[in-house]
Amino acid sequence: MEAKRKIRLNTMQIIAIGFVVIILIGALLLSLPAASKDNTRIPFINALFTATSALCVTGLATYDTYTQFTLFGQIVILVLIQTGGLGFMSVAGMIFLMLGKKIGLRERGLLMETMNTPHIGGVVKLLRRIIITSFAIEMIAAALLSIRFIPLLGTVKGIYYGIFHAISAFCNAGFDLMGVFDSRSSLIGFEADVLVNVVAILLMLIGGLGFIVWDDIMDNKLKFSKYRLHTKIVLIGTAVLVVFPAIFFFFLESNNTLAGMTFGEKVLASVFQVVSPRTAGFNTVEISELSEGSLLLTILLMIIGANPGSTGGGIKITTVFVIILTIKAYITHEPDLNVGGKRLEDFIPRKAFSIASIYVILASLACFFIVSIQPFTLEDTMFETVSAISTVGLTTGITPELNILSKIAVIILMYCGRVGSLTVIAALAGDKPRPNIRQMEERIIIG
């Protein structure tokens, strides 16, 4: 009898399946009566939605986290956020290191894919840096936030709130416990608080830079000229996407959601509201009351997102940069993509356009599906679907009103946004042998 063929999963399949398994475990835990304050089971679809949102560091929620979940449920959500922010393979690698176990070549390959590092060499050293740096940043931020929360909530609860919101902001998750003051308020009420705003903004920015950028900055300190091209693009792009959108938001909302604030408070709120859409999901102003111009600006920022190998989502700053560079090269008839005295690899433009195209297709299909089965406006639905696939978590308020089919659509978007649409599609496609013969060339008319 012929021996059974051993099923061997490729890297992308392991990552895709790994996220599904953790989501299901999280959903089962959140559906336990012990996870809810009323000691009853919540519908499994809502538990699945919450677990997906937490692991995919999105922040969209069918329930107010504080009002619905017990301390047990909140800790389950927090563990999912931390696991999703660092990547489940990074967390697994951390456990391996703590137990003194050796990380083999296959595990190193998974870590390389999870952290978006181009080289397998030095991946364990990078993992140690990521773990130590992440926890150090989170604990420092938690201590700073506790300064504000302890006087409001007491010592133990204030420290817990500091830890929860530090991890949520650093991992760009957007989950909050501010239901203790007002249900679904996020950070509204703290819009004038310099400490809370500055700490949250720095956490969101640092978490969204990407692990490779951290590594480069740690190695070369403040010597910008020595940074990798990737790091330079990320830092310049991040600065541009903070300064200019903040100016636009300031003028668009000065007489709307920012009305009644001082000049300094308006500046603080404007910076916060252009950093958060690039995938954190916190808000200090009411999203449903934003002007149409600000809503469009927020959608564009959500689409762009953070950076590769970070805790954030979106199509990423580097992807947008490559698309712009490719368009410029086509217009000026340049054969290569040259930047900073370097030539980009030939496959990079195809990957960039594939990522952007799949993103638009998935978000559009989900938007069409939801508006076809529920009476939401196109504006609200588009905002919700873009927020989901970009793992942002901002909403105009329709999340609790989603029916089962709409929730499934949003769950798929959040999953694809965190794991990566190309990764999911590649995992489904599997490994196929490449043909040695190329087909004859033929021209078609486009444009």
Protein backbone atom coordinates (compact mmCIF):
# COMPACT_ATOMS: atom_id res chain seq x y z
CA MET A 1 0.00 0.00 0.00
CA GLU A 2 1.36 3.36 -1.00
CA ALA A 3 2.46 5.50 1.96
CA LYS A 4 0.36 8.52 2.66
CA ARG A 5 1.81 11.77 1.40
CA LYS A 6 2.88 14.06 4.21
CA ILE A 7 1.18 17.44 4.06
CA ARG A 8 3.77 20.20 4.27
CA LEU A 9 2.56 23.75 4.63
CA ASN A 10 4.51 26.65 3.20
CA THR A 11 5.39 29.76 5.23
CA MET A 12 2.38 31.80 4.14
CA GLN A 13 -0.03 28.94 4.84
CA ILE A 14 1.36 28.52 8.36
CA ILE A 15 0.94 32.24 9.07
CA ALA A 16 -2.58 32.33 7.62
CA ILE A 17 -3.71 29.21 9.50
CA GLY A 18 -1.96 30.32 12.69
CA PHE A 19 -4.01 33.53 12.80
CA VAL A 20 -7.24 31.57 12.25
CA VAL A 21 -6.45 29.15 15.10
CA ILE A 22 -5.65 31.96 17.56
CA ILE A 23 -8.80 33.87 16.54
CA LEU A 24 -10.94 30.78 17.19
CA ILE A 25 -9.33 30.19 20.60
CA GLY A 26 -9.89 33.86 21.49
CA ALA A 27 -13.52 33.69 20.31
CA LEU A 28 -14.18 30.58 22.41
CA LEU A 29 -12.73 32.27 25.51
CA LEU A 30 -14.70 35.48 24.93
CA SER A 31 -17.93 33.50 24.48
CA LEU A 32 -17.58 31.97 27.97
CA PRO A 33 -19.98 33.33 30.62
CA ALA A 34 -16.93 34.31 32.72
CA ALA A 35 -15.92 36.81 30.05
CA SER A 36 -19.15 38.84 30.27
CA LYS A 37 -20.28 41.01 33.18
CA ASP A 38 -23.82 39.66 33.00
CA ASN A 39 -22.38 36.10 33.29
CA THR A 40 -24.08 34.93 30.08
CA ARG A 41 -22.65 33.74 26.78
CA ILE A 42 -22.52 36.34 24.04
CA PRO A 43 -23.42 35.18 20.49
CA PHE A 44 -20.44 33.36 18.97
CA ILE A 45 -20.43 35.66 15.91
CA ASN A 46 -19.88 38.64 18.25
CA ALA A 47 -17.14 36.79 20.11
CA LEU A 48 -15.52 35.91 16.76
CA PHE A 49 -15.82 39.54 15.62
CA THR A 50 -14.20 40.83 18.83
CA ALA A 51 -11.40 38.24 18.78
CA THR A 52 -10.62 38.99 15.12
CA SER A 53 -10.63 42.72 15.79
CA ALA A 54 -8.27 42.27 18.75
CA LEU A 55 -5.80 39.86 17.11
CA CYS A 56 -5.85 41.89 13.88
CA VAL A 57 -5.28 45.03 16.03
CA THR A 58 -8.27 46.78 14.48
CA GLY A 59 -10.50 48.07 17.26
CA LEU A 60 -13.92 47.75 15.65
CA ALA A 61 -16.26 46.40 18.32
CA THR A 62 -19.85 45.27 18.62
CA TYR A 63 -19.67 45.90 22.37
CA ASP A 64 -18.15 48.57 24.57
CA THR A 65 -15.14 46.72 26.03
CA TYR A 66 -15.49 48.05 29.59
CA THR A 67 -19.28 47.72 29.79
CA GLN A 68 -19.51 44.19 28.34
CA PHE A 69 -16.40 42.30 29.42
CA THR A 70 -15.11 41.26 32.84
CA LEU A 71 -11.46 41.51 33.83
CA PHE A 72 -10.99 38.00 32.38
CA GLY A 73 -12.52 39.05 29.06
CA GLN A 74 -10.49 42.26 28.96
CA ILE A 75 -7.25 40.33 29.59
CA VAL A 76 -8.12 37.89 26.77
CA ILE A 77 -8.56 40.90 24.47
CA LEU A 78 -5.28 42.43 25.70
CA VAL A 79 -3.34 39.19 25.09
CA LEU A 80 -4.82 38.97 21.58
CA ILE A 81 -3.82 42.60 20.93
CA GLN A 82 -0.23 42.00 22.06
CA THR A 83 0.01 38.79 20.05
CA GLY A 84 -1.43 40.43 16.95
CA GLY A 85 0.72 43.54 17.29
CA LEU A 86 4.02 41.69 17.53
CA GLY A 87 2.92 38.82 15.29
CA PHE A 88 2.09 35.39 16.66
CA MET A 89 5.39 33.94 15.39
CA SER A 90 7.29 36.67 17.26
CA VAL A 91 5.39 35.76 20.44
CA ALA A 92 6.09 32.06 19.81
CA GLY A 93 9.77 32.91 19.25
CA MET A 94 9.80 34.86 22.52
CA ILE A 95 8.44 31.81 24.37
CA PHE A 96 11.10 29.63 22.70
CA LEU A 97 13.85 32.02 23.85
CA MET A 98 12.45 32.15 27.40
CA LEU A 99 12.42 28.34 27.56
CA GLY A 100 15.96 28.19 26.17
CA LYS A 101 14.90 26.22 23.11
CA LYS A 102 16.71 26.47 19.79
CA ILE A 103 14.98 28.30 16.94
CA GLY A 104 15.47 26.22 13.80
CA LEU A 105 15.82 27.28 10.17
CA ARG A 106 12.12 26.78 9.42
CA GLU A 107 11.11 28.91 12.43
CA ARG A 108 13.60 31.59 11.37
CA GLY A 109 11.94 31.67 7.95
CA LEU A 110 8.56 32.20 9.60
CA LEU A 111 10.01 34.97 11.76
CA MET A 112 11.51 36.61 8.69
CA GLU A 113 8.09 36.62 6.99
CA THR A 114 6.30 37.86 10.13
CA MET A 115 8.73 40.72 10.75
CA ASN A 116 9.08 41.60 7.04
CA THR A 117 12.86 41.48 7.24
CA PRO A 118 14.62 40.79 3.90
CA HIS A 119 17.32 38.52 5.36
CA ILE A 120 17.11 35.38 7.47
CA GLY A 121 20.49 36.09 9.03
CA GLY A 122 20.25 37.96 12.32
CA VAL A 123 16.51 37.36 12.63
CA VAL A 124 16.83 35.98 16.19
CA LYS A 125 18.86 39.02 17.25
CA LEU A 126 16.18 41.26 15.73
CA LEU A 127 13.49 39.28 17.57
CA ARG A 128 15.23 39.90 20.90
CA ARG A 129 15.44 43.60 20.10
CA ILE A 130 11.77 43.77 19.16
CA ILE A 131 10.63 42.02 22.34
CA ILE A 132 12.83 44.04 24.72
CA THR A 133 12.12 47.36 22.99
CA SER A 134 8.38 46.74 22.73
CA PHE A 135 7.93 45.87 26.39
CA ALA A 136 10.20 48.71 27.50
CA ILE A 137 8.23 51.26 25.46
CA GLU A 138 4.90 49.88 26.66
CA MET A 139 5.92 49.92 30.33
CA ILE A 140 7.30 53.47 30.17
CA ALA A 141 4.11 54.63 28.44
CA ALA A 142 1.97 52.73 30.96
CA ALA A 143 3.74 54.50 33.83
CA LEU A 144 3.17 57.90 32.20
CA LEU A 145 -0.52 57.19 31.50
CA SER A 146 -0.96 55.93 35.07
CA ILE A 147 -0.07 59.43 36.28
CA ARG A 148 -3.33 60.59 34.72
CA PHE A 149 -5.49 57.54 35.47
CA ILE A 150 -4.57 56.92 39.14
CA PRO A 151 -6.13 60.17 40.42
CA LEU A 152 -9.29 59.35 38.42
CA LEU A 153 -9.65 55.63 39.16
CA GLY A 154 -7.46 54.74 42.13
CA THR A 155 -4.00 53.16 42.26
CA VAL A 156 -4.63 49.56 41.11
CA LYS A 157 -7.23 50.41 38.49
CA GLY A 158 -5.22 53.42 37.30
CA ILE A 159 -2.12 51.28 36.74
CA TYR A 160 -4.19 48.64 34.92
CA TYR A 161 -5.70 51.32 32.68
CA GLY A 162 -2.23 52.66 31.97
CA ILE A 163 -1.00 49.20 30.91
CA PHE A 164 -4.11 48.40 28.82
CA HIS A 165 -4.10 51.65 26.85
CA ALA A 166 -0.31 51.68 26.42
CA ILE A 167 -0.40 48.23 24.79
CA SER A 168 -3.50 49.09 22.74
CA ALA A 169 -1.94 52.32 21.42
CA PHE A 170 1.50 50.82 20.74
CA CYS A 171 -0.03 47.87 18.89
CA ASN A 172 -2.29 50.30 16.99
CA ALA A 173 -5.35 48.40 18.22
CA GLY A 174 -7.71 51.17 19.33
CA PHE A 175 -9.46 49.16 22.06
CA ASP A 176 -10.20 51.23 25.17
CA LEU A 177 -11.81 50.99 28.59
CA MET A 178 -13.18 54.51 28.63
CA GLY A 179 -16.68 53.12 29.01
CA VAL A 180 -16.02 53.64 32.70
CA PHE A 181 -16.67 57.33 31.98
CA ASP A 182 -18.93 57.17 28.92
CA SER A 183 -19.80 54.22 26.70
CA ARG A 184 -17.96 54.13 23.33
CA SER A 185 -16.27 57.47 24.03
CA SER A 186 -12.71 56.37 23.11
CA LEU A 187 -10.46 59.26 24.23
CA ILE A 188 -13.13 61.95 23.83
CA GLY A 189 -12.90 63.88 27.08
CA PHE A 190 -9.09 63.80 26.99
CA GLU A 191 -8.77 65.98 23.86
CA ALA A 192 -7.15 68.78 25.90
CA ASP A 193 -4.94 66.48 27.99
CA VAL A 194 -1.38 66.99 26.76
CA LEU A 195 0.05 63.97 28.62
CA VAL A 196 -2.49 61.44 27.30
CA ASN A 197 -2.39 62.85 23.76
CA VAL A 198 1.40 63.07 23.44
CA VAL A 199 1.98 59.59 24.89
CA ALA A 200 -0.71 58.06 22.64
CA ILE A 201 0.60 59.87 19.54
CA LEU A 202 4.18 58.72 20.18
CA LEU A 203 3.05 55.14 20.81
CA MET A 204 1.03 55.06 17.58
CA LEU A 205 3.90 56.55 15.56
CA ILE A 206 6.60 54.29 17.04
CA GLY A 207 4.44 51.19 16.67
CA GLY A 208 3.70 52.13 13.06
CA LEU A 209 7.32 52.70 11.99
CA GLY A 210 8.16 49.02 11.59
CA PHE A 211 10.64 46.68 13.25
CA ILE A 212 13.24 47.07 10.49
CA VAL A 213 13.25 50.84 11.00
CA TRP A 214 13.74 50.39 14.74
CA ASP A 215 16.70 48.12 14.07
CA ASP A 216 18.27 50.62 11.68
CA ILE A 217 17.83 53.54 14.10
CA MET A 218 19.28 51.53 16.99
CA ASP A 219 22.34 50.61 14.91
CA ASN A 220 22.98 54.06 13.40
CA LYS A 221 21.47 56.30 16.11
CA LEU A 222 20.64 59.75 14.64
CA LYS A 223 22.98 59.48 11.63
CA PHE A 224 20.32 59.87 8.93
CA SER A 225 22.80 59.51 6.05
CA LYS A 226 23.67 55.98 7.20
CA TYR A 227 20.07 54.75 7.31
CA ARG A 228 18.80 52.22 4.78
CA LEU A 229 16.77 53.64 1.89
CA HIS A 230 13.70 51.94 3.38
CA THR A 231 14.17 53.77 6.70
CA LYS A 232 14.62 57.13 4.98
CA ILE A 233 11.42 56.70 2.95
CA VAL A 234 9.48 55.64 6.06
CA LEU A 235 10.69 58.53 8.22
CA ILE A 236 10.18 61.21 5.57
CA GLY A 237 6.80 59.74 4.56
CA THR A 238 5.64 59.58 8.18
CA ALA A 239 6.62 63.22 8.78
CA VAL A 240 4.80 64.37 5.62
CA LEU A 241 1.68 62.38 6.59
CA VAL A 242 1.58 64.04 10.00
CA VAL A 243 2.32 67.67 9.14
CA PHE A 244 0.25 68.34 6.00
CA PRO A 245 -2.89 66.34 6.92
CA ALA A 246 -2.86 67.99 10.38
CA ILE A 247 -2.90 71.42 8.74
CA PHE A 248 -5.79 70.39 6.46
CA PHE A 249 -7.72 68.87 9.38
CA PHE A 250 -7.19 72.01 11.48
CA PHE A 251 -8.76 74.27 8.87
CA LEU A 252 -11.52 71.81 7.91
CA GLU A 253 -12.66 71.28 11.51
CA SER A 254 -11.85 74.59 13.23
CA ASN A 255 -15.49 75.67 13.18
CA ASN A 256 -16.91 72.16 13.45
CA THR A 257 -15.67 69.43 15.85
CA LEU A 258 -12.81 71.66 17.08
CA ALA A 259 -15.07 74.63 17.80
CA GLY A 260 -14.73 75.94 21.35
CA MET A 261 -11.15 74.70 21.78
CA THR A 262 -8.13 76.94 22.27
CA PHE A 263 -5.55 77.20 19.46
CA GLY A 264 -3.23 74.76 21.25
CA GLU A 265 -6.02 72.26 21.83
CA LYS A 266 -7.03 72.45 18.18
CA VAL A 267 -3.44 71.73 17.11
CA LEU A 268 -3.22 68.79 19.53
CA ALA A 269 -6.55 67.34 18.38
CA SER A 270 -5.62 67.83 14.70
CA VAL A 271 -2.31 65.98 15.07
CA PHE A 272 -4.00 63.19 17.02
CA GLN A 273 -6.75 62.76 14.42
CA VAL A 274 -4.32 62.40 11.51
CA VAL A 275 -1.96 60.01 13.33
CA SER A 276 -4.72 57.70 14.61
CA PRO A 277 -6.26 56.83 11.18
CA ARG A 278 -2.93 55.41 10.11
CA THR A 279 -4.15 52.53 11.93
CA ALA A 280 -4.67 53.08 15.64
CA GLY A 281 -8.40 53.71 15.88
CA PHE A 282 -8.54 56.06 18.86
CA ASN A 283 -10.38 59.35 18.51
CA THR A 284 -10.59 62.55 20.56
CA VAL A 285 -13.39 64.07 18.43
CA GLU A 286 -16.69 62.54 17.36
CA ILE A 287 -16.10 60.78 14.02
CA SER A 288 -19.77 60.87 13.01
CA GLU A 289 -19.71 64.67 13.23
CA LEU A 290 -16.70 65.23 10.94
CA SER A 291 -17.20 67.26 7.79
CA GLU A 292 -17.17 65.40 4.46
CA GLY A 293 -13.72 66.80 3.69
CA SER A 294 -12.32 65.46 6.96
CA LEU A 295 -14.01 62.08 6.42
CA LEU A 296 -12.37 61.81 2.99
CA LEU A 297 -9.00 62.86 4.46
CA THR A 298 -9.39 60.20 7.17
CA ILE A 299 -10.26 57.52 4.58
CA LEU A 300 -7.16 58.40 2.53
CA LEU A 301 -4.97 58.19 5.64
CA MET A 302 -6.52 54.82 6.54
CA ILE A 303 -5.79 53.51 3.05
CA ILE A 304 -2.13 54.57 3.23
CA GLY A 305 -1.70 53.21 6.75
CA ALA A 306 1.58 52.56 8.53
CA ASN A 307 4.73 50.73 7.38
CA PRO A 308 5.80 47.16 6.56
CA GLY A 309 6.72 44.99 9.54
CA SER A 310 4.90 47.29 11.96
CA THR A 311 1.89 46.93 14.24
CA GLY A 312 -0.21 48.93 11.75
CA GLY A 313 -2.12 48.13 8.56
CA GLY A 314 -3.11 49.87 5.32
CA ILE A 315 -1.32 49.42 2.01
CA LYS A 316 1.74 51.03 3.67
CA ILE A 317 3.74 54.21 3.01
CA THR A 318 6.41 52.40 0.98
CA THR A 319 3.77 50.90 -1.32
CA VAL A 320 2.33 54.35 -2.05
CA PHE A 321 5.85 55.69 -2.61
CA VAL A 322 6.65 52.94 -5.15
CA ILE A 323 3.35 53.53 -6.99
CA ILE A 324 4.08 57.27 -7.27
CA LEU A 325 7.65 56.53 -8.38
CA THR A 326 6.42 54.05 -11.01
CA ILE A 327 3.92 56.55 -12.43
CA LYS A 328 6.66 59.19 -12.59
CA ALA A 329 9.05 56.76 -14.32
CA TYR A 330 6.39 55.85 -16.90
CA ILE A 331 5.61 59.52 -17.65
CA THR A 332 9.30 60.44 -17.98
CA HIS A 333 10.16 57.22 -19.90
CA GLU A 334 12.71 56.08 -17.33
CA PRO A 335 13.54 52.34 -17.66
CA ASP A 336 14.23 51.84 -13.94
CA LEU A 337 12.94 53.07 -10.60
CA ASN A 338 15.82 55.09 -9.21
CA VAL A 339 15.80 56.83 -5.84
CA GLY A 340 18.56 58.00 -3.52
CA GLY A 341 21.27 56.78 -5.87
CA LYS A 342 19.83 53.24 -5.85
CA ARG A 343 17.74 51.17 -8.28
CA LEU A 344 14.73 49.30 -6.95
CA GLU A 345 14.28 45.63 -7.81
CA ASP A 346 12.16 44.92 -10.91
CA PHE A 347 9.41 42.98 -9.08
CA ILE A 348 8.73 45.81 -6.57
CA PRO A 349 6.32 47.84 -8.82
CA ARG A 350 4.26 44.71 -9.61
CA LYS A 351 4.01 43.86 -5.91
CA ALA A 352 3.05 47.43 -5.00
CA PHE A 353 0.29 47.63 -7.63
CA SER A 354 -0.93 44.13 -6.69
CA ILE A 355 -1.22 45.07 -3.01
CA ALA A 356 -3.10 48.30 -3.81
CA SER A 357 -5.36 46.62 -6.37
CA ILE A 358 -6.35 43.72 -4.12
CA TYR A 359 -6.97 46.17 -1.28
CA VAL A 360 -9.32 48.30 -3.42
CA ILE A 361 -11.13 45.25 -4.83
CA LEU A 362 -11.75 43.66 -1.41
CA ALA A 363 -12.87 46.93 0.22
CA SER A 364 -15.15 47.74 -2.74
CA LEU A 365 -16.74 44.28 -2.85
CA ALA A 366 -17.39 44.33 0.91
CA CYS A 367 -18.82 47.86 0.70
CA PHE A 368 -21.13 46.83 -2.16
CA PHE A 369 -22.20 43.71 -0.27
CA ILE A 370 -23.03 45.56 2.97
CA VAL A 371 -24.97 48.43 1.36
CA SER A 372 -26.91 45.82 -0.62
CA ILE A 373 -28.19 44.04 2.49
CA GLN A 374 -28.40 46.85 5.05
CA PRO A 375 -29.78 50.43 4.87
CA PHE A 376 -26.49 52.23 5.56
CA THR A 377 -25.28 55.23 3.57
CA LEU A 378 -22.47 54.65 1.10
CA GLU A 379 -20.30 57.11 3.04
CA ASP A 380 -20.67 55.26 6.36
CA THR A 381 -20.20 51.85 4.75
CA MET A 382 -17.12 52.89 2.81
CA PHE A 383 -15.62 54.34 5.97
CA GLU A 384 -16.36 51.09 7.86
CA THR A 385 -14.91 48.75 5.23
CA VAL A 386 -11.76 50.82 4.71
CA SER A 387 -11.34 51.01 8.49
CA ALA A 388 -11.66 47.22 8.71
CA ILE A 389 -9.24 46.23 5.95
CA SER A 390 -6.75 48.88 7.11
CA THR A 391 -7.08 47.50 10.69
CA VAL A 392 -7.87 50.99 11.98
CA GLY A 393 -11.02 50.62 14.06
CA LEU A 394 -12.52 54.07 13.56
CA THR A 395 -16.24 54.06 12.81
CA THR A 396 -19.04 56.50 12.20
CA GLY A 397 -21.14 54.38 14.55
CA ILE A 398 -22.57 51.58 12.42
CA THR A 399 -20.48 48.68 13.81
CA PRO A 400 -23.01 47.59 16.50
CA GLU A 401 -25.79 47.64 13.86
CA LEU A 402 -24.08 45.20 11.46
CA ASN A 403 -26.07 42.00 10.87
CA ILE A 404 -24.48 38.54 10.80
CA LEU A 405 -23.57 38.61 7.09
CA SER A 406 -22.10 42.11 7.35
CA LYS A 407 -20.09 41.05 10.41
CA ILE A 408 -18.66 38.10 8.47
CA ALA A 409 -17.67 40.45 5.64
CA VAL A 410 -15.93 42.80 8.09
CA ILE A 411 -14.23 39.87 9.86
CA ILE A 412 -12.77 38.73 6.51
CA LEU A 413 -11.58 42.28 5.80
CA MET A 414 -9.87 42.59 9.21
CA TYR A 415 -8.20 39.21 8.76
CA CYS A 416 -6.94 40.02 5.26
CA GLY A 417 -5.79 43.46 6.43
CA ARG A 418 -3.64 42.07 9.25
CA VAL A 419 -2.31 38.87 7.66
CA GLY A 420 -1.90 40.59 4.29
CA SER A 421 -4.14 40.13 1.26
CA LEU A 422 -1.27 38.77 -0.85
CA THR A 423 -0.32 36.36 1.95
CA VAL A 424 -3.89 35.06 2.20
CA ILE A 425 -4.20 34.62 -1.57
CA ALA A 426 -0.76 32.99 -1.80
CA ALA A 427 -1.70 30.65 1.06
CA LEU A 428 -4.89 29.61 -0.75
CA ALA A 429 -3.05 29.18 -4.05
CA GLY A 430 -0.31 27.01 -2.53
CA ASP A 431 3.00 26.18 -4.18
CA LYS A 432 2.83 25.61 -7.93
CA PRO A 433 5.77 24.59 -10.16
CA ARG A 434 7.03 27.36 -12.41
CA PRO A 435 7.10 26.53 -16.14
CA ASN A 436 10.52 26.62 -17.79
CA ILE A 437 9.08 27.89 -21.05
CA ARG A 438 7.81 31.44 -21.48
CA GLN A 439 4.85 32.11 -23.78
CA MET A 440 5.08 34.12 -26.99
CA GLU A 441 4.72 37.84 -26.51
CA GLU A 442 1.55 39.62 -27.66
CA ARG A 443 0.46 43.25 -27.29
CA ILE A 444 -2.93 44.50 -26.09
CA ILE A 445 -4.17 48.07 -26.00
CA ILE A 446 -4.61 49.63 -22.54
CA GLY A 447 -5.21 53.16 -21.30
